[in-house]
Amino acid sequence: MAREIPWFKFSPEAWISGDIKHCSNDTRVFFLDLCCYLWKNKAIIKNDKKLVTRLTGDLELFNKCLEELVEWEIIDYDTVDMSITVKFITKLYNEATVKSKKASAAGKASAKSKKMNKLSAPTDVEQALNGRCVSVPTQAQPKVNHIEEEGEREEDIEKEIHTIYSFDEFYQDYNHKKGRKDAEKAYSKVKETDRVLIKKNVPLYVASTPDTKWRSHPATYINGEKWNDEITIPMINEEQGLSR
């Protein structure tokens, strides 16, 4: 925690007018050093030779300062396990730990959401269907959304990815009723994340093959992972009775 949050709150008012003002200067310095070591050691520290060396280097002075702080109830000293704690340090440390965990969880949820947005971002369908021969990349572009409730959004993503684009939806949109049994078997093996891409790709692929004799059988499309291929929309001219 000291590495993540290298500081703790300190109240000048409590230092000037609190019980610590009744202690000797040696004890006051001792207390400041003790608080720093407590923060570095997860808000609890053992009374041992190392601590004596770090704080005073003198056992007699160490015991004198410790007794004075205990007398004024500024620190808690457990004589059984020899542990030392300070209430305000313990409280601050616990608050900082909770805040750190929440930030970490929010960061993971945000990263997962951005990944899903990247997969489901819309491609430029208008450009592909404007009557010109263009190449339309199927790689989705990243889209970043700001999320108010990261935990709820993460749960929504999990639900979405497990229900998105069923085989029946794919077969209907693909509109080439050939080899349904083989196609359904192949589709059952497709990863959910790939189904997001298939959903975006199928309308473009269908538009690029208006004559179904040039359209791959559904099973061939799936097994060949053709949603990753570049698509070319055929030119539509005015002689065919359509305007550009």
Foldseek 3Di string as FASTA:
>chain_A
DCVVPVDFDDDPVCCCPNPVVVDDPLLNQLVVQVLNVCLVVLFKDADDPVSCCVRPNDPVSVVVSVVVCVVSPQWDADPPRRMIGGVVSNVRSVVVVVVVVVVVLLVVLQVVVQVLQQLQAAWDVCVQPVQDWDKTALRGHTDHDDDDDSVVSSVVVVVCLVPPDQVVNLCVLLPDPDDSVLLNVLVVPDHSSLSSSSVNQRNSLCQQCVPCVPPDDNNCCSVVVCSRPIGIHDGDPCVVVDHD
